[in-house]
Amino acid sequence: MKIYGYFRSSAAFRLRIAMNLKGLSYDHNLINLQAGDHLSDSFRLINPQGRVPALDIEGDILTQSLAIIEYLDEVYPAPALLPHDALGKAKVRGVAGLIACDIHPLNNLAVLNYLRDQLEADEEARIAWYRHWVKEGFDGLEKILSANVETGKFCFGDSPTVADICLVPQVVNAQRFNCDLDCYPRISRIFEECIGLKEFSDAHPSNQPEAAQLA
């Protein structure tokens, strides 16, 4: 299997975590978002949307990180990244969706670049935008995790799920933008539990081959 990704991409970060948790090996093809590789004709043939990650499985191309992760969970069922019951799956997908659908899209590189290039927002305004949407999402997420009786060492129980796979990259990005996370003790505790695992820490952007060169 081959991942087309970028070290700072939250979505690619998610896929690296999932691959590590499943114990799957893969080749990595760098798509440098800062250099515009994702807009090239050659990459558009792989993913017409021009987004990462994309997963090449012997010529079959999968896109959208959550869809890829659920595919991996079905084909490689151990360890399971979703609960086995319908209610549990819905709760985990709800947390994952809150992060991947509500927080992340408003703060990804394409949006921040649009704010800069088309709306002429300066760096201070872009950072304020980023922090606002992180706070909006984390305010709700902290309450959800605190109220859910199934919250354990991780977002749902005592083993990582898709919810944790989404949470960790979002916290890492929030740290990079110096967001105030002191008021999110549950989120912070779960993050520390996750990042203490090799599967999560090895997937961290700073531990990717291109990190030193492109940071």
C-alpha atoms as a PDB file:
ATOM      1  CA  MET A   1       0.000   0.000   0.000  1.00  0.00           C
ATOM      2  CA  LYS A   2       1.105   3.530  -0.753  1.00  0.00           C
ATOM      3  CA  ILE A   3       0.029   6.708   1.040  1.00  0.00           C
ATOM      4  CA  TYR A   4       0.064  10.035  -0.741  1.00  0.00           C
ATOM      5  CA  GLY A   5       0.301  12.539   2.083  1.00  0.00           C
ATOM      6  CA  TYR A   6       1.920  15.531   3.722  1.00  0.00           C
ATOM      7  CA  PHE A   7       3.483  15.531   7.155  1.00  0.00           C
ATOM      8  CA  ARG A   8       1.370  18.386   8.547  1.00  0.00           C
ATOM      9  CA  SER A   9      -1.924  17.284   7.036  1.00  0.00           C
ATOM     10  CA  SER A  10      -4.318  16.347   9.839  1.00  0.00           C
ATOM     11  CA  ALA A  11      -6.109  13.892   7.584  1.00  0.00           C
ATOM     12  CA  ALA A  12      -2.874  12.185   6.542  1.00  0.00           C
ATOM     13  CA  PHE A  13      -1.835  12.128  10.219  1.00  0.00           C
ATOM     14  CA  ARG A  14      -5.051  10.238  10.994  1.00  0.00           C
ATOM     15  CA  LEU A  15      -4.299   7.642   8.355  1.00  0.00           C
ATOM     16  CA  ARG A  16      -0.738   7.133   9.602  1.00  0.00           C
ATOM     17  CA  ILE A  17      -2.076   6.494  13.113  1.00  0.00           C
ATOM     18  CA  ALA A  18      -4.603   3.967  11.834  1.00  0.00           C
ATOM     19  CA  MET A  19      -1.999   2.157   9.738  1.00  0.00           C
ATOM     20  CA  ASN A  20       0.317   1.985  12.749  1.00  0.00           C
ATOM     21  CA  LEU A  21      -2.413   0.697  15.053  1.00  0.00           C
ATOM     22  CA  LYS A  22      -3.201  -2.024  12.518  1.00  0.00           C
ATOM     23  CA  GLY A  23       0.485  -2.884  12.162  1.00  0.00           C
ATOM     24  CA  LEU A  24       0.366  -2.260   8.402  1.00  0.00           C
ATOM     25  CA  SER A  25       3.403  -1.263   6.380  1.00  0.00           C
ATOM     26  CA  TYR A  26       3.181   1.276   3.585  1.00  0.00           C
ATOM     27  CA  ASP A  27       5.242   3.367   1.214  1.00  0.00           C
ATOM     28  CA  HIS A  28       5.000   7.122   1.555  1.00  0.00           C
ATOM     29  CA  ASN A  29       4.738   9.527  -1.379  1.00  0.00           C
ATOM     30  CA  LEU A  30       5.207  13.135  -0.328  1.00  0.00           C
ATOM     31  CA  ILE A  31       2.658  15.580  -1.714  1.00  0.00           C
ATOM     32  CA  ASN A  32       4.045  18.945  -0.659  1.00  0.00           C
ATOM     33  CA  LEU A  33       1.003  21.119  -0.008  1.00  0.00           C
ATOM     34  CA  GLN A  34       3.115  24.222   0.493  1.00  0.00           C
ATOM     35  CA  ALA A  35       4.697  23.758  -2.930  1.00  0.00           C
ATOM     36  CA  GLY A  36       1.345  23.084  -4.593  1.00  0.00           C
ATOM     37  CA  ASP A  37       1.994  19.437  -5.489  1.00  0.00           C
ATOM     38  CA  HIS A  38      -1.653  18.657  -4.765  1.00  0.00           C
ATOM     39  CA  LEU A  39      -2.723  20.960  -7.600  1.00  0.00           C
ATOM     40  CA  SER A  40      -0.563  19.260 -10.208  1.00  0.00           C
ATOM     41  CA  ASP A  41      -2.112  17.413 -13.128  1.00  0.00           C
ATOM     42  CA  SER A  42      -0.286  14.236 -12.107  1.00  0.00           C
ATOM     43  CA  PHE A  43      -1.779  14.229  -8.608  1.00  0.00           C
ATOM     44  CA  ARG A  44      -5.229  15.223  -9.899  1.00  0.00           C
ATOM     45  CA  LEU A  45      -5.185  11.947 -11.812  1.00  0.00           C
ATOM     46  CA  ILE A  46      -4.795  10.183  -8.453  1.00  0.00           C
ATOM     47  CA  ASN A  47      -7.275  12.326  -6.535  1.00  0.00           C
ATOM     48  CA  PRO A  48      -9.294  14.758  -8.664  1.00  0.00           C
ATOM     49  CA  GLN A  49     -10.166  16.723  -5.520  1.00  0.00           C
ATOM     50  CA  GLY A  50      -6.489  17.519  -4.992  1.00  0.00           C
ATOM     51  CA  ARG A  51      -6.530  16.612  -1.300  1.00  0.00           C
ATOM     52  CA  VAL A  52      -4.503  14.253   0.858  1.00  0.00           C
ATOM     53  CA  PRO A  53      -4.376  11.534   1.924  1.00  0.00           C
ATOM     54  CA  ALA A  54      -4.978   9.083  -0.860  1.00  0.00           C
ATOM     55  CA  LEU A  55      -4.294   5.389  -0.389  1.00  0.00           C
ATOM     56  CA  ASP A  56      -3.195   3.284  -3.354  1.00  0.00           C
ATOM     57  CA  ILE A  57      -3.996  -0.402  -2.899  1.00  0.00           C
ATOM     58  CA  GLU A  58      -2.577  -2.194  -5.927  1.00  0.00           C
ATOM     59  CA  GLY A  59      -4.033   0.427  -8.243  1.00  0.00           C
ATOM     60  CA  ASP A  60      -7.301   1.040  -6.385  1.00  0.00           C
ATOM     61  CA  ILE A  61      -7.297   4.585  -5.014  1.00  0.00           C
ATOM     62  CA  LEU A  62      -9.174   5.441  -1.839  1.00  0.00           C
ATOM     63  CA  THR A  63      -9.693   9.017  -0.645  1.00  0.00           C
ATOM     64  CA  GLN A  64     -11.138  10.752   2.437  1.00  0.00           C
ATOM     65  CA  SER A  65      -9.362   9.713   5.633  1.00  0.00           C
ATOM     66  CA  LEU A  66     -12.396   8.461   7.558  1.00  0.00           C
ATOM     67  CA  ALA A  67     -13.594   6.334   4.640  1.00  0.00           C
ATOM     68  CA  ILE A  68     -10.099   4.853   4.279  1.00  0.00           C
ATOM     69  CA  ILE A  69      -9.863   4.113   8.007  1.00  0.00           C
ATOM     70  CA  GLU A  70     -13.229   2.352   8.026  1.00  0.00           C
ATOM     71  CA  TYR A  71     -12.106   0.303   5.019  1.00  0.00           C
ATOM     72  CA  LEU A  72      -8.968  -0.728   6.897  1.00  0.00           C
ATOM     73  CA  ASP A  73     -11.054  -1.603   9.951  1.00  0.00           C
ATOM     74  CA  GLU A  74     -13.226  -3.924   7.889  1.00  0.00           C
ATOM     75  CA  VAL A  75     -10.366  -5.606   6.016  1.00  0.00           C
ATOM     76  CA  TYR A  76      -7.992  -5.775   9.004  1.00  0.00           C
ATOM     77  CA  PRO A  77     -10.390  -6.141  11.950  1.00  0.00           C
ATOM     78  CA  ALA A  78      -7.834  -6.353  14.766  1.00  0.00           C
ATOM     79  CA  PRO A  79      -7.467  -4.214  16.698  1.00  0.00           C
ATOM     80  CA  ALA A  80     -10.949  -2.822  16.142  1.00  0.00           C
ATOM     81  CA  LEU A  81     -11.145   0.944  15.712  1.00  0.00           C
ATOM     82  CA  LEU A  82     -14.930   1.046  16.141  1.00  0.00           C
ATOM     83  CA  PRO A  83     -17.105  -0.589  18.807  1.00  0.00           C
ATOM     84  CA  HIS A  84     -19.049  -3.659  17.732  1.00  0.00           C
ATOM     85  CA  ASP A  85     -22.494  -2.355  18.711  1.00  0.00           C
ATOM     86  CA  ALA A  86     -24.489   0.151  16.675  1.00  0.00           C
ATOM     87  CA  LEU A  87     -24.895   2.639  19.552  1.00  0.00           C
ATOM     88  CA  GLY A  88     -21.183   2.616  20.308  1.00  0.00           C
ATOM     89  CA  LYS A  89     -20.315   3.079  16.652  1.00  0.00           C
ATOM     90  CA  ALA A  90     -22.652   6.063  16.424  1.00  0.00           C
ATOM     91  CA  LYS A  91     -21.076   7.703  19.479  1.00  0.00           C
ATOM     92  CA  VAL A  92     -17.527   7.229  18.187  1.00  0.00           C
ATOM     93  CA  ARG A  93     -18.478   8.464  14.739  1.00  0.00           C
ATOM     94  CA  GLY A  94     -20.160  11.468  16.357  1.00  0.00           C
ATOM     95  CA  VAL A  95     -16.930  12.525  18.070  1.00  0.00           C
ATOM     96  CA  ALA A  96     -14.900  11.816  14.933  1.00  0.00           C
ATOM     97  CA  GLY A  97     -17.360  13.838  12.862  1.00  0.00           C
ATOM     98  CA  LEU A  98     -17.314  16.770  15.258  1.00  0.00           C
ATOM     99  CA  ILE A  99     -13.565  17.030  14.722  1.00  0.00           C
ATOM    100  CA  ALA A 100     -13.198  15.969  11.097  1.00  0.00           C
ATOM    101  CA  CYS A 101     -16.327  17.673   9.740  1.00  0.00           C
ATOM    102  CA  ASP A 102     -16.875  20.699  11.994  1.00  0.00           C
ATOM    103  CA  ILE A 103     -13.452  21.839  13.263  1.00  0.00           C
ATOM    104  CA  HIS A 104     -10.887  20.690  10.735  1.00  0.00           C
ATOM    105  CA  PRO A 105     -12.460  21.892   7.445  1.00  0.00           C
ATOM    106  CA  LEU A 106     -12.651  25.477   8.723  1.00  0.00           C
ATOM    107  CA  ASN A 107      -8.967  25.489   9.627  1.00  0.00           C
ATOM    108  CA  ASN A 108      -7.229  23.507   6.919  1.00  0.00           C
ATOM    109  CA  LEU A 109      -4.527  24.980   4.715  1.00  0.00           C
ATOM    110  CA  ALA A 110      -6.863  25.730   1.808  1.00  0.00           C
ATOM    111  CA  VAL A 111      -9.108  27.869   4.021  1.00  0.00           C
ATOM    112  CA  LEU A 112      -6.220  29.689   5.702  1.00  0.00           C
ATOM    113  CA  ASN A 113      -4.658  30.412   2.300  1.00  0.00           C
ATOM    114  CA  TYR A 114      -8.002  31.704   0.986  1.00  0.00           C
ATOM    115  CA  LEU A 115      -8.298  34.034   3.974  1.00  0.00           C
ATOM    116  CA  ARG A 116      -4.804  35.325   3.219  1.00  0.00           C
ATOM    117  CA  ASP A 117      -4.849  35.513  -0.576  1.00  0.00           C
ATOM    118  CA  GLN A 118      -8.460  36.322  -1.456  1.00  0.00           C
ATOM    119  CA  LEU A 119      -9.807  38.090   1.638  1.00  0.00           C
ATOM    120  CA  GLU A 120      -6.466  39.741   2.503  1.00  0.00           C
ATOM    121  CA  ALA A 121      -6.663  38.686   6.133  1.00  0.00           C
ATOM    122  CA  ASP A 122      -3.389  39.317   7.931  1.00  0.00           C
ATOM    123  CA  GLU A 123      -1.652  36.728  10.091  1.00  0.00           C
ATOM    124  CA  GLU A 124      -3.257  38.001  13.299  1.00  0.00           C
ATOM    125  CA  ALA A 125      -6.735  37.675  11.787  1.00  0.00           C
ATOM    126  CA  ARG A 126      -6.017  34.192  10.429  1.00  0.00           C
ATOM    127  CA  ILE A 127      -4.772  32.985  13.795  1.00  0.00           C
ATOM    128  CA  ALA A 128      -7.829  34.504  15.507  1.00  0.00           C
ATOM    129  CA  TRP A 129     -10.039  32.630  12.998  1.00  0.00           C
ATOM    130  CA  TYR A 130      -8.214  29.383  13.702  1.00  0.00           C
ATOM    131  CA  ARG A 131      -8.432  29.716  17.472  1.00  0.00           C
ATOM    132  CA  HIS A 132     -12.114  30.698  17.345  1.00  0.00           C
ATOM    133  CA  TRP A 133     -13.160  27.517  15.536  1.00  0.00           C
ATOM    134  CA  VAL A 134     -10.987  25.291  17.708  1.00  0.00           C
ATOM    135  CA  LYS A 135     -12.626  26.799  20.780  1.00  0.00           C
ATOM    136  CA  GLU A 136     -16.120  26.382  19.317  1.00  0.00           C
ATOM    137  CA  GLY A 137     -15.470  22.707  18.656  1.00  0.00           C
ATOM    138  CA  PHE A 138     -13.489  21.863  21.785  1.00  0.00           C
ATOM    139  CA  ASP A 139     -16.038  23.560  24.066  1.00  0.00           C
ATOM    140  CA  GLY A 140     -18.639  21.067  22.900  1.00  0.00           C
ATOM    141  CA  LEU A 141     -16.293  18.110  22.691  1.00  0.00           C
ATOM    142  CA  GLU A 142     -15.071  18.549  26.261  1.00  0.00           C
ATOM    143  CA  LYS A 143     -18.666  18.437  27.512  1.00  0.00           C
ATOM    144  CA  ILE A 144     -19.473  15.381  25.392  1.00  0.00           C
ATOM    145  CA  LEU A 145     -16.454  13.456  26.659  1.00  0.00           C
ATOM    146  CA  SER A 146     -17.140  14.492  30.256  1.00  0.00           C
ATOM    147  CA  ALA A 147     -20.795  13.432  30.100  1.00  0.00           C
ATOM    148  CA  ASN A 148     -20.307  10.143  28.254  1.00  0.00           C
ATOM    149  CA  VAL A 149     -20.168   7.226  30.696  1.00  0.00           C
ATOM    150  CA  GLU A 150     -18.217   5.211  28.115  1.00  0.00           C
ATOM    151  CA  THR A 151     -15.293   7.649  28.172  1.00  0.00           C
ATOM    152  CA  GLY A 152     -12.335   5.818  29.665  1.00  0.00           C
ATOM    153  CA  LYS A 153      -8.612   6.090  29.108  1.00  0.00           C
ATOM    154  CA  PHE A 154      -9.548   7.073  25.573  1.00  0.00           C
ATOM    155  CA  CYS A 155     -12.528   8.825  23.992  1.00  0.00           C
ATOM    156  CA  PHE A 156     -14.555   5.630  24.121  1.00  0.00           C
ATOM    157  CA  GLY A 157     -13.409   2.955  26.521  1.00  0.00           C
ATOM    158  CA  ASP A 158      -9.877   1.819  27.218  1.00  0.00           C
ATOM    159  CA  SER A 159      -8.551   1.269  23.707  1.00  0.00           C
ATOM    160  CA  PRO A 160      -8.096   3.743  20.844  1.00  0.00           C
ATOM    161  CA  THR A 161     -10.891   4.278  18.358  1.00  0.00           C
ATOM    162  CA  VAL A 162     -11.473   6.449  15.317  1.00  0.00           C
ATOM    163  CA  ALA A 163     -12.427   9.234  17.738  1.00  0.00           C
ATOM    164  CA  ASP A 164      -8.915   9.285  19.213  1.00  0.00           C
ATOM    165  CA  ILE A 165      -7.397   9.037  15.742  1.00  0.00           C
ATOM    166  CA  CYS A 166      -9.207  12.284  14.882  1.00  0.00           C
ATOM    167  CA  LEU A 167      -8.586  13.971  18.232  1.00  0.00           C
ATOM    168  CA  VAL A 168      -4.797  13.739  18.338  1.00  0.00           C
ATOM    169  CA  PRO A 169      -4.019  15.568  15.059  1.00  0.00           C
ATOM    170  CA  GLN A 170      -6.463  18.324  15.970  1.00  0.00           C
ATOM    171  CA  VAL A 171      -4.795  18.851  19.352  1.00  0.00           C
ATOM    172  CA  VAL A 172      -1.340  18.857  17.739  1.00  0.00           C
ATOM    173  CA  ASN A 173      -2.487  21.565  15.332  1.00  0.00           C
ATOM    174  CA  ALA A 174      -4.076  23.525  18.170  1.00  0.00           C
ATOM    175  CA  GLN A 175      -0.753  23.386  19.999  1.00  0.00           C
ATOM    176  CA  ARG A 176       1.050  24.665  16.903  1.00  0.00           C
ATOM    177  CA  PHE A 177      -1.274  27.685  16.810  1.00  0.00           C
ATOM    178  CA  ASN A 178      -0.856  28.232  20.573  1.00  0.00           C
ATOM    179  CA  CYS A 179      -4.530  27.682  21.351  1.00  0.00           C
ATOM    180  CA  ASP A 180      -5.411  27.773  25.041  1.00  0.00           C
ATOM    181  CA  LEU A 181      -6.094  24.159  26.010  1.00  0.00           C
ATOM    182  CA  ASP A 182      -6.021  24.598  29.796  1.00  0.00           C
ATOM    183  CA  CYS A 183      -9.824  24.610  29.986  1.00  0.00           C
ATOM    184  CA  TYR A 184     -10.057  21.183  28.331  1.00  0.00           C
ATOM    185  CA  PRO A 185      -8.772  18.731  30.964  1.00  0.00           C
ATOM    186  CA  ARG A 186     -10.577  15.704  29.512  1.00  0.00           C
ATOM    187  CA  ILE A 187      -9.338  16.365  25.987  1.00  0.00           C
ATOM    188  CA  SER A 188      -5.818  16.980  27.281  1.00  0.00           C
ATOM    189  CA  ARG A 189      -5.768  13.818  29.381  1.00  0.00           C
ATOM    190  CA  ILE A 190      -6.926  11.643  26.490  1.00  0.00           C
ATOM    191  CA  PHE A 191      -4.403  13.292  24.188  1.00  0.00           C
ATOM    192  CA  GLU A 192      -1.556  12.507  26.588  1.00  0.00           C
ATOM    193  CA  GLU A 193      -2.760   8.902  26.863  1.00  0.00           C
ATOM    194  CA  CYS A 194      -2.748   8.569  23.088  1.00  0.00           C
ATOM    195  CA  ILE A 195       0.515  10.310  22.339  1.00  0.00           C
ATOM    196  CA  GLY A 196       2.225   8.069  24.881  1.00  0.00           C
ATOM    197  CA  LEU A 197       1.586   5.158  22.521  1.00  0.00           C
ATOM    198  CA  LYS A 198       4.227   4.472  19.897  1.00  0.00           C
ATOM    199  CA  GLU A 199       1.603   4.106  17.161  1.00  0.00           C
ATOM    200  CA  PHE A 200       0.500   7.691  17.741  1.00  0.00           C
ATOM    201  CA  SER A 201       3.899   9.235  18.421  1.00  0.00           C
ATOM    202  CA  ASP A 202       5.473   7.624  15.346  1.00  0.00           C
ATOM    203  CA  ALA A 203       2.733   9.206  13.228  1.00  0.00           C
ATOM    204  CA  HIS A 204       3.404  12.698  14.643  1.00  0.00           C
ATOM    205  CA  PRO A 205       4.325  15.265  11.967  1.00  0.00           C
ATOM    206  CA  SER A 206       7.680  15.963  13.619  1.00  0.00           C
ATOM    207  CA  ASN A 207       8.636  12.299  13.198  1.00  0.00           C
ATOM    208  CA  GLN A 208       8.059  12.170   9.448  1.00  0.00           C
ATOM    209  CA  PRO A 209      11.023  12.003   7.030  1.00  0.00           C
ATOM    210  CA  GLU A 210      10.290  15.373   5.431  1.00  0.00           C
ATOM    211  CA  ALA A 211       9.668  17.255   8.674  1.00  0.00           C
ATOM    212  CA  ALA A 212      13.170  18.664   9.177  1.00  0.00           C
ATOM    213  CA  GLN A 213      13.421  19.827   5.577  1.00  0.00           C
ATOM    214  CA  LEU A 214       9.972  21.396   5.230  1.00  0.00           C
ATOM    215  CA  ALA A 215       9.165  22.659   8.744  1.00  0.00           C
END
